[in-house]
Amino acid sequence: DRNFILNFHIDERVYRRWLLLVLIAFFVGLSTLGFTLPQVRERLGIELFANELFRPFANLVTYKDSTHNFVLEYPKNWIYEKLDDPITHEVVSFMPASEAEAIQTPQVEVIITSENLSEPVTLSNYIEQLINQLKNTKNFQAFQLVKQGDTTFAKRPAYGFIYTVTSRGKNWKIMEVATIKNLQVYLITYKAEISQYDKYQAIVHEMIH
């Protein structure tokens, strides 16, 4: 029936126009309220770090560790200290040059940990054990988990979490992101005195990315 086909196409066009108007109104409303797309994703719980946009930083230099098989870019005006701790498996620590004088207790620090697993472990189980270990750390008081979820680490599937804690008279905000590859755990820890955390988090996210 030609009339039926004609009416169907007219209704379809009306529907598409109506849907387009609704979508436009939705995003205009979000911008009016001051929301950005990353903030929307964060409110929906889709990403762990949805409020952070990865962006390239100038003056990055390369750190290469052939022993533990990783390469990392870090800001040129930061310094690093090799750790190679056989107990904690911490490999290297990075910090802003301004923290060099307080190298024993820096207020801002990025630590790379590389641990060989004796048997296969799922990432979720590893993270669960890590969180329990942190909760039971003697020097940690008022441990509070702030956020956790799936993310990426060097473009690999990873899991991360953010927590706050009081230790040695200071309040810290700490981010841990881990991935597992071929029985090797790579963990990056961003530790900052809570008032300094926001200042460096975008740079740290770029290092993780």
C-alpha atoms as a PDB file:
ATOM      1  CA  ASP A   1       0.000   0.000   0.000  1.00  0.00           C
ATOM      2  CA  ARG A   2       1.650   3.240  -1.180  1.00  0.00           C
ATOM      3  CA  ASN A   3      -0.053   5.364   1.476  1.00  0.00           C
ATOM      4  CA  PHE A   4       1.221   3.071   4.240  1.00  0.00           C
ATOM      5  CA  ILE A   5       4.799   3.196   2.875  1.00  0.00           C
ATOM      6  CA  LEU A   6       4.654   6.988   2.541  1.00  0.00           C
ATOM      7  CA  ASN A   7       3.314   7.449   6.068  1.00  0.00           C
ATOM      8  CA  PHE A   8       5.974   5.054   7.424  1.00  0.00           C
ATOM      9  CA  HIS A   9       8.817   7.081   5.884  1.00  0.00           C
ATOM     10  CA  ILE A  10       7.305  10.333   7.160  1.00  0.00           C
ATOM     11  CA  ASP A  11       6.976   8.884  10.686  1.00  0.00           C
ATOM     12  CA  GLU A  12      10.563   7.608  10.562  1.00  0.00           C
ATOM     13  CA  ARG A  13      11.893  11.036   9.595  1.00  0.00           C
ATOM     14  CA  VAL A  14       9.893  12.664  12.371  1.00  0.00           C
ATOM     15  CA  TYR A  15      11.205  10.121  14.853  1.00  0.00           C
ATOM     16  CA  ARG A  16      14.826  10.722  13.805  1.00  0.00           C
ATOM     17  CA  ARG A  17      14.406  14.493  14.087  1.00  0.00           C
ATOM     18  CA  TRP A  18      12.799  14.093  17.503  1.00  0.00           C
ATOM     19  CA  LEU A  19      15.640  11.833  18.682  1.00  0.00           C
ATOM     20  CA  LEU A  20      18.258  14.295  17.402  1.00  0.00           C
ATOM     21  CA  LEU A  21      16.571  17.177  19.233  1.00  0.00           C
ATOM     22  CA  VAL A  22      16.471  15.156  22.456  1.00  0.00           C
ATOM     23  CA  LEU A  23      20.200  14.346  22.205  1.00  0.00           C
ATOM     24  CA  ILE A  24      21.081  17.981  21.493  1.00  0.00           C
ATOM     25  CA  ALA A  25      18.988  19.127  24.448  1.00  0.00           C
ATOM     26  CA  PHE A  26      20.673  16.536  26.683  1.00  0.00           C
ATOM     27  CA  PHE A  27      24.231  17.649  25.916  1.00  0.00           C
ATOM     28  CA  VAL A  28      23.315  21.351  26.020  1.00  0.00           C
ATOM     29  CA  GLY A  29      21.820  20.708  29.441  1.00  0.00           C
ATOM     30  CA  LEU A  30      25.017  19.017  30.611  1.00  0.00           C
ATOM     31  CA  SER A  31      27.155  21.923  29.455  1.00  0.00           C
ATOM     32  CA  THR A  32      24.767  24.349  31.167  1.00  0.00           C
ATOM     33  CA  LEU A  33      25.240  22.451  34.415  1.00  0.00           C
ATOM     34  CA  GLY A  34      28.994  22.535  33.968  1.00  0.00           C
ATOM     35  CA  PHE A  35      29.508  18.807  33.360  1.00  0.00           C
ATOM     36  CA  THR A  36      32.117  17.518  30.950  1.00  0.00           C
ATOM     37  CA  LEU A  37      32.054  14.113  29.293  1.00  0.00           C
ATOM     38  CA  PRO A  38      34.758  12.706  31.650  1.00  0.00           C
ATOM     39  CA  GLN A  39      32.734  13.927  34.644  1.00  0.00           C
ATOM     40  CA  VAL A  40      29.634  12.212  33.258  1.00  0.00           C
ATOM     41  CA  ARG A  41      31.595   8.959  32.914  1.00  0.00           C
ATOM     42  CA  GLU A  42      32.865   9.351  36.453  1.00  0.00           C
ATOM     43  CA  ARG A  43      29.373   9.890  37.842  1.00  0.00           C
ATOM     44  CA  LEU A  44      28.206   6.811  35.985  1.00  0.00           C
ATOM     45  CA  GLY A  45      31.125   4.842  37.416  1.00  0.00           C
ATOM     46  CA  ILE A  46      32.365   3.750  33.982  1.00  0.00           C
ATOM     47  CA  GLU A  47      36.019   4.579  34.568  1.00  0.00           C
ATOM     48  CA  LEU A  48      38.263   4.699  37.598  1.00  0.00           C
ATOM     49  CA  PHE A  49      39.965   7.924  36.546  1.00  0.00           C
ATOM     50  CA  ALA A  50      37.263   9.436  34.359  1.00  0.00           C
ATOM     51  CA  ASN A  51      38.024  12.978  35.469  1.00  0.00           C
ATOM     52  CA  GLU A  52      41.547  12.772  34.075  1.00  0.00           C
ATOM     53  CA  LEU A  53      42.275  13.328  30.403  1.00  0.00           C
ATOM     54  CA  PHE A  54      45.558  11.887  29.132  1.00  0.00           C
ATOM     55  CA  ARG A  55      47.503  14.625  27.424  1.00  0.00           C
ATOM     56  CA  PRO A  56      51.115  14.813  26.233  1.00  0.00           C
ATOM     57  CA  PHE A  57      53.562  16.703  28.430  1.00  0.00           C
ATOM     58  CA  ALA A  58      56.635  18.464  27.132  1.00  0.00           C
ATOM     59  CA  ASN A  59      60.137  17.775  28.424  1.00  0.00           C
ATOM     60  CA  LEU A  60      59.681  14.103  29.199  1.00  0.00           C
ATOM     61  CA  VAL A  61      62.728  11.858  29.300  1.00  0.00           C
ATOM     62  CA  THR A  62      62.964   8.085  29.120  1.00  0.00           C
ATOM     63  CA  TYR A  63      63.926   5.704  31.893  1.00  0.00           C
ATOM     64  CA  LYS A  64      64.739   2.162  30.782  1.00  0.00           C
ATOM     65  CA  ASP A  65      65.128  -0.858  33.035  1.00  0.00           C
ATOM     66  CA  SER A  66      66.378  -3.887  31.100  1.00  0.00           C
ATOM     67  CA  THR A  67      66.439  -6.114  34.182  1.00  0.00           C
ATOM     68  CA  HIS A  68      62.734  -5.721  34.871  1.00  0.00           C
ATOM     69  CA  ASN A  69      61.812  -5.137  31.243  1.00  0.00           C
ATOM     70  CA  PHE A  70      60.029  -1.804  31.293  1.00  0.00           C
ATOM     71  CA  VAL A  71      60.410   1.678  29.847  1.00  0.00           C
ATOM     72  CA  LEU A  72      58.849   4.755  31.410  1.00  0.00           C
ATOM     73  CA  GLU A  73      58.735   8.441  30.559  1.00  0.00           C
ATOM     74  CA  TYR A  74      59.008  10.971  33.374  1.00  0.00           C
ATOM     75  CA  PRO A  75      59.375  14.770  33.617  1.00  0.00           C
ATOM     76  CA  LYS A  76      62.869  16.056  32.898  1.00  0.00           C
ATOM     77  CA  ASN A  77      62.893  18.157  36.069  1.00  0.00           C
ATOM     78  CA  TRP A  78      62.239  15.096  38.256  1.00  0.00           C
ATOM     79  CA  ILE A  79      64.907  12.899  39.805  1.00  0.00           C
ATOM     80  CA  TYR A  80      64.957   9.158  40.396  1.00  0.00           C
ATOM     81  CA  GLU A  81      66.488   6.803  42.913  1.00  0.00           C
ATOM     82  CA  LYS A  82      67.133   3.130  42.218  1.00  0.00           C
ATOM     83  CA  LEU A  83      65.785   0.947  45.002  1.00  0.00           C
ATOM     84  CA  ASP A  84      65.927  -2.727  43.941  1.00  0.00           C
ATOM     85  CA  ASP A  85      64.471  -3.786  47.285  1.00  0.00           C
ATOM     86  CA  PRO A  86      64.345  -7.628  47.436  1.00  0.00           C
ATOM     87  CA  ILE A  87      61.627  -7.576  50.139  1.00  0.00           C
ATOM     88  CA  THR A  88      59.159  -4.979  48.833  1.00  0.00           C
ATOM     89  CA  HIS A  89      60.175  -5.522  45.161  1.00  0.00           C
ATOM     90  CA  GLU A  90      60.294  -1.744  44.686  1.00  0.00           C
ATOM     91  CA  VAL A  91      62.541  -1.019  41.708  1.00  0.00           C
ATOM     92  CA  VAL A  92      62.803   2.742  41.325  1.00  0.00           C
ATOM     93  CA  SER A  93      61.351   5.917  42.795  1.00  0.00           C
ATOM     94  CA  PHE A  94      60.672   9.194  40.958  1.00  0.00           C
ATOM     95  CA  MET A  95      60.038  12.572  42.548  1.00  0.00           C
ATOM     96  CA  PRO A  96      60.059  16.285  41.667  1.00  0.00           C
ATOM     97  CA  ALA A  97      63.506  17.833  42.038  1.00  0.00           C
ATOM     98  CA  SER A  98      62.089  20.117  44.726  1.00  0.00           C
ATOM     99  CA  GLU A  99      61.714  17.011  46.904  1.00  0.00           C
ATOM    100  CA  ALA A 100      65.399  16.059  46.617  1.00  0.00           C
ATOM    101  CA  GLU A 101      66.318  17.532  49.989  1.00  0.00           C
ATOM    102  CA  ALA A 102      63.611  15.442  51.661  1.00  0.00           C
ATOM    103  CA  ILE A 103      64.492  12.236  49.833  1.00  0.00           C
ATOM    104  CA  GLN A 104      63.968  10.134  52.969  1.00  0.00           C
ATOM    105  CA  THR A 105      60.395  11.377  53.416  1.00  0.00           C
ATOM    106  CA  PRO A 106      59.332  13.075  50.155  1.00  0.00           C
ATOM    107  CA  GLN A 107      55.866  14.621  50.008  1.00  0.00           C
ATOM    108  CA  VAL A 108      55.443  13.469  46.386  1.00  0.00           C
ATOM    109  CA  GLU A 109      56.727  10.174  45.048  1.00  0.00           C
ATOM    110  CA  VAL A 110      56.056   7.703  42.221  1.00  0.00           C
ATOM    111  CA  ILE A 111      57.293   4.169  42.904  1.00  0.00           C
ATOM    112  CA  ILE A 112      57.583   1.332  40.382  1.00  0.00           C
ATOM    113  CA  THR A 113      57.308  -2.194  41.770  1.00  0.00           C
ATOM    114  CA  SER A 114      58.052  -5.345  39.772  1.00  0.00           C
ATOM    115  CA  GLU A 115      57.336  -8.728  41.332  1.00  0.00           C
ATOM    116  CA  ASN A 116      57.749 -12.231  39.923  1.00  0.00           C
ATOM    117  CA  LEU A 117      54.886 -14.567  40.750  1.00  0.00           C
ATOM    118  CA  SER A 118      55.614 -18.188  41.627  1.00  0.00           C
ATOM    119  CA  GLU A 119      52.212 -19.249  40.248  1.00  0.00           C
ATOM    120  CA  PRO A 120      49.405 -17.670  38.235  1.00  0.00           C
ATOM    121  CA  VAL A 121      47.261 -15.181  40.155  1.00  0.00           C
ATOM    122  CA  THR A 122      44.317 -13.230  38.833  1.00  0.00           C
ATOM    123  CA  LEU A 123      44.597  -9.471  38.953  1.00  0.00           C
ATOM    124  CA  SER A 124      41.497  -9.212  41.152  1.00  0.00           C
ATOM    125  CA  ASN A 125      42.982 -11.620  43.709  1.00  0.00           C
ATOM    126  CA  TYR A 126      46.291  -9.755  43.702  1.00  0.00           C
ATOM    127  CA  ILE A 127      44.528  -6.425  44.300  1.00  0.00           C
ATOM    128  CA  GLU A 128      42.392  -7.920  47.068  1.00  0.00           C
ATOM    129  CA  GLN A 129      45.502  -9.207  48.850  1.00  0.00           C
ATOM    130  CA  LEU A 130      47.240  -5.856  48.387  1.00  0.00           C
ATOM    131  CA  ILE A 131      44.331  -3.897  49.882  1.00  0.00           C
ATOM    132  CA  ASN A 132      44.175  -6.230  52.876  1.00  0.00           C
ATOM    133  CA  GLN A 133      47.916  -5.876  53.356  1.00  0.00           C
ATOM    134  CA  LEU A 134      47.658  -2.071  53.301  1.00  0.00           C
ATOM    135  CA  LYS A 135      44.794  -2.103  55.794  1.00  0.00           C
ATOM    136  CA  ASN A 136      46.967  -4.115  58.188  1.00  0.00           C
ATOM    137  CA  THR A 137      50.115  -2.020  57.790  1.00  0.00           C
ATOM    138  CA  LYS A 138      51.256  -0.950  61.264  1.00  0.00           C
ATOM    139  CA  ASN A 139      52.238   2.599  60.293  1.00  0.00           C
ATOM    140  CA  PHE A 140      48.898   3.248  58.563  1.00  0.00           C
ATOM    141  CA  GLN A 141      45.990   4.746  60.469  1.00  0.00           C
ATOM    142  CA  ALA A 142      42.535   5.810  59.268  1.00  0.00           C
ATOM    143  CA  PHE A 143      42.820   3.818  56.022  1.00  0.00           C
ATOM    144  CA  GLN A 144      39.929   4.783  53.727  1.00  0.00           C
ATOM    145  CA  LEU A 145      39.343   3.441  50.226  1.00  0.00           C
ATOM    146  CA  VAL A 146      38.220   6.345  48.022  1.00  0.00           C
ATOM    147  CA  LYS A 147      37.817   4.831  44.557  1.00  0.00           C
ATOM    148  CA  GLN A 148      38.596   1.621  42.698  1.00  0.00           C
ATOM    149  CA  GLY A 149      37.954   0.064  39.312  1.00  0.00           C
ATOM    150  CA  ASP A 150      39.261  -1.102  35.953  1.00  0.00           C
ATOM    151  CA  THR A 151      41.707   1.113  34.123  1.00  0.00           C
ATOM    152  CA  THR A 152      44.743   0.790  31.833  1.00  0.00           C
ATOM    153  CA  PHE A 153      48.455   0.704  32.564  1.00  0.00           C
ATOM    154  CA  ALA A 154      50.803   1.187  29.593  1.00  0.00           C
ATOM    155  CA  LYS A 155      47.796   0.431  27.355  1.00  0.00           C
ATOM    156  CA  ARG A 156      47.264  -2.910  29.106  1.00  0.00           C
ATOM    157  CA  PRO A 157      44.169  -3.946  31.097  1.00  0.00           C
ATOM    158  CA  ALA A 158      44.793  -3.009  34.717  1.00  0.00           C
ATOM    159  CA  TYR A 159      43.073  -2.359  38.012  1.00  0.00           C
ATOM    160  CA  GLY A 160      43.587   0.605  40.277  1.00  0.00           C
ATOM    161  CA  PHE A 161      42.429   2.109  43.520  1.00  0.00           C
ATOM    162  CA  ILE A 162      42.884   5.329  45.460  1.00  0.00           C
ATOM    163  CA  TYR A 163      42.943   5.596  49.232  1.00  0.00           C
ATOM    164  CA  THR A 164      43.778   8.038  52.009  1.00  0.00           C
ATOM    165  CA  VAL A 165      45.741   7.230  55.116  1.00  0.00           C
ATOM    166  CA  THR A 166      47.515   8.873  58.021  1.00  0.00           C
ATOM    167  CA  SER A 167      51.129   7.842  58.517  1.00  0.00           C
ATOM    168  CA  ARG A 168      53.903   9.342  60.633  1.00  0.00           C
ATOM    169  CA  GLY A 169      51.892  12.433  61.417  1.00  0.00           C
ATOM    170  CA  LYS A 170      50.981  13.248  57.798  1.00  0.00           C
ATOM    171  CA  ASN A 171      47.840  12.735  55.739  1.00  0.00           C
ATOM    172  CA  TRP A 172      48.487  10.961  52.444  1.00  0.00           C
ATOM    173  CA  LYS A 173      46.485  10.281  49.298  1.00  0.00           C
ATOM    174  CA  ILE A 174      47.783   7.279  47.389  1.00  0.00           C
ATOM    175  CA  MET A 175      46.967   5.720  44.029  1.00  0.00           C
ATOM    176  CA  GLU A 176      47.948   2.162  43.118  1.00  0.00           C
ATOM    177  CA  VAL A 177      47.633   0.760  39.578  1.00  0.00           C
ATOM    178  CA  ALA A 178      48.656  -2.811  38.742  1.00  0.00           C
ATOM    179  CA  THR A 179      48.786  -5.110  35.745  1.00  0.00           C
ATOM    180  CA  ILE A 180      50.049  -8.667  35.301  1.00  0.00           C
ATOM    181  CA  LYS A 181      51.988  -9.964  32.300  1.00  0.00           C
ATOM    182  CA  ASN A 182      53.528 -13.427  32.056  1.00  0.00           C
ATOM    183  CA  LEU A 183      53.676 -14.032  35.835  1.00  0.00           C
ATOM    184  CA  GLN A 184      55.135 -10.553  36.322  1.00  0.00           C
ATOM    185  CA  VAL A 185      53.268  -7.924  38.358  1.00  0.00           C
ATOM    186  CA  TYR A 186      53.926  -4.292  37.527  1.00  0.00           C
ATOM    187  CA  LEU A 187      52.634  -1.865  40.144  1.00  0.00           C
ATOM    188  CA  ILE A 188      52.891   1.910  40.025  1.00  0.00           C
ATOM    189  CA  THR A 189      52.251   3.819  43.238  1.00  0.00           C
ATOM    190  CA  TYR A 190      51.611   7.556  43.368  1.00  0.00           C
ATOM    191  CA  LYS A 191      52.007   8.781  46.911  1.00  0.00           C
ATOM    192  CA  ALA A 192      51.515  12.427  47.862  1.00  0.00           C
ATOM    193  CA  GLU A 193      50.840  14.490  50.938  1.00  0.00           C
ATOM    194  CA  ILE A 194      47.138  15.152  50.524  1.00  0.00           C
ATOM    195  CA  SER A 195      47.521  18.897  49.813  1.00  0.00           C
ATOM    196  CA  GLN A 196      49.988  18.099  46.998  1.00  0.00           C
ATOM    197  CA  TYR A 197      48.070  15.276  45.309  1.00  0.00           C
ATOM    198  CA  ASP A 198      46.080  17.307  42.770  1.00  0.00           C
ATOM    199  CA  LYS A 199      49.153  19.291  41.734  1.00  0.00           C
ATOM    200  CA  TYR A 200      50.911  16.286  40.180  1.00  0.00           C
ATOM    201  CA  GLN A 201      48.164  13.779  39.392  1.00  0.00           C
ATOM    202  CA  ALA A 202      47.849  14.699  35.692  1.00  0.00           C
ATOM    203  CA  ILE A 203      51.599  14.153  35.205  1.00  0.00           C
ATOM    204  CA  VAL A 204      51.427  10.823  37.013  1.00  0.00           C
ATOM    205  CA  HIS A 205      48.488   9.703  34.869  1.00  0.00           C
ATOM    206  CA  GLU A 206      50.575  10.476  31.796  1.00  0.00           C
ATOM    207  CA  MET A 207      53.409   8.362  33.205  1.00  0.00           C
ATOM    208  CA  ILE A 208      50.950   5.499  33.771  1.00  0.00           C
ATOM    209  CA  HIS A 209      49.492   5.909  30.302  1.00  0.00           C
END
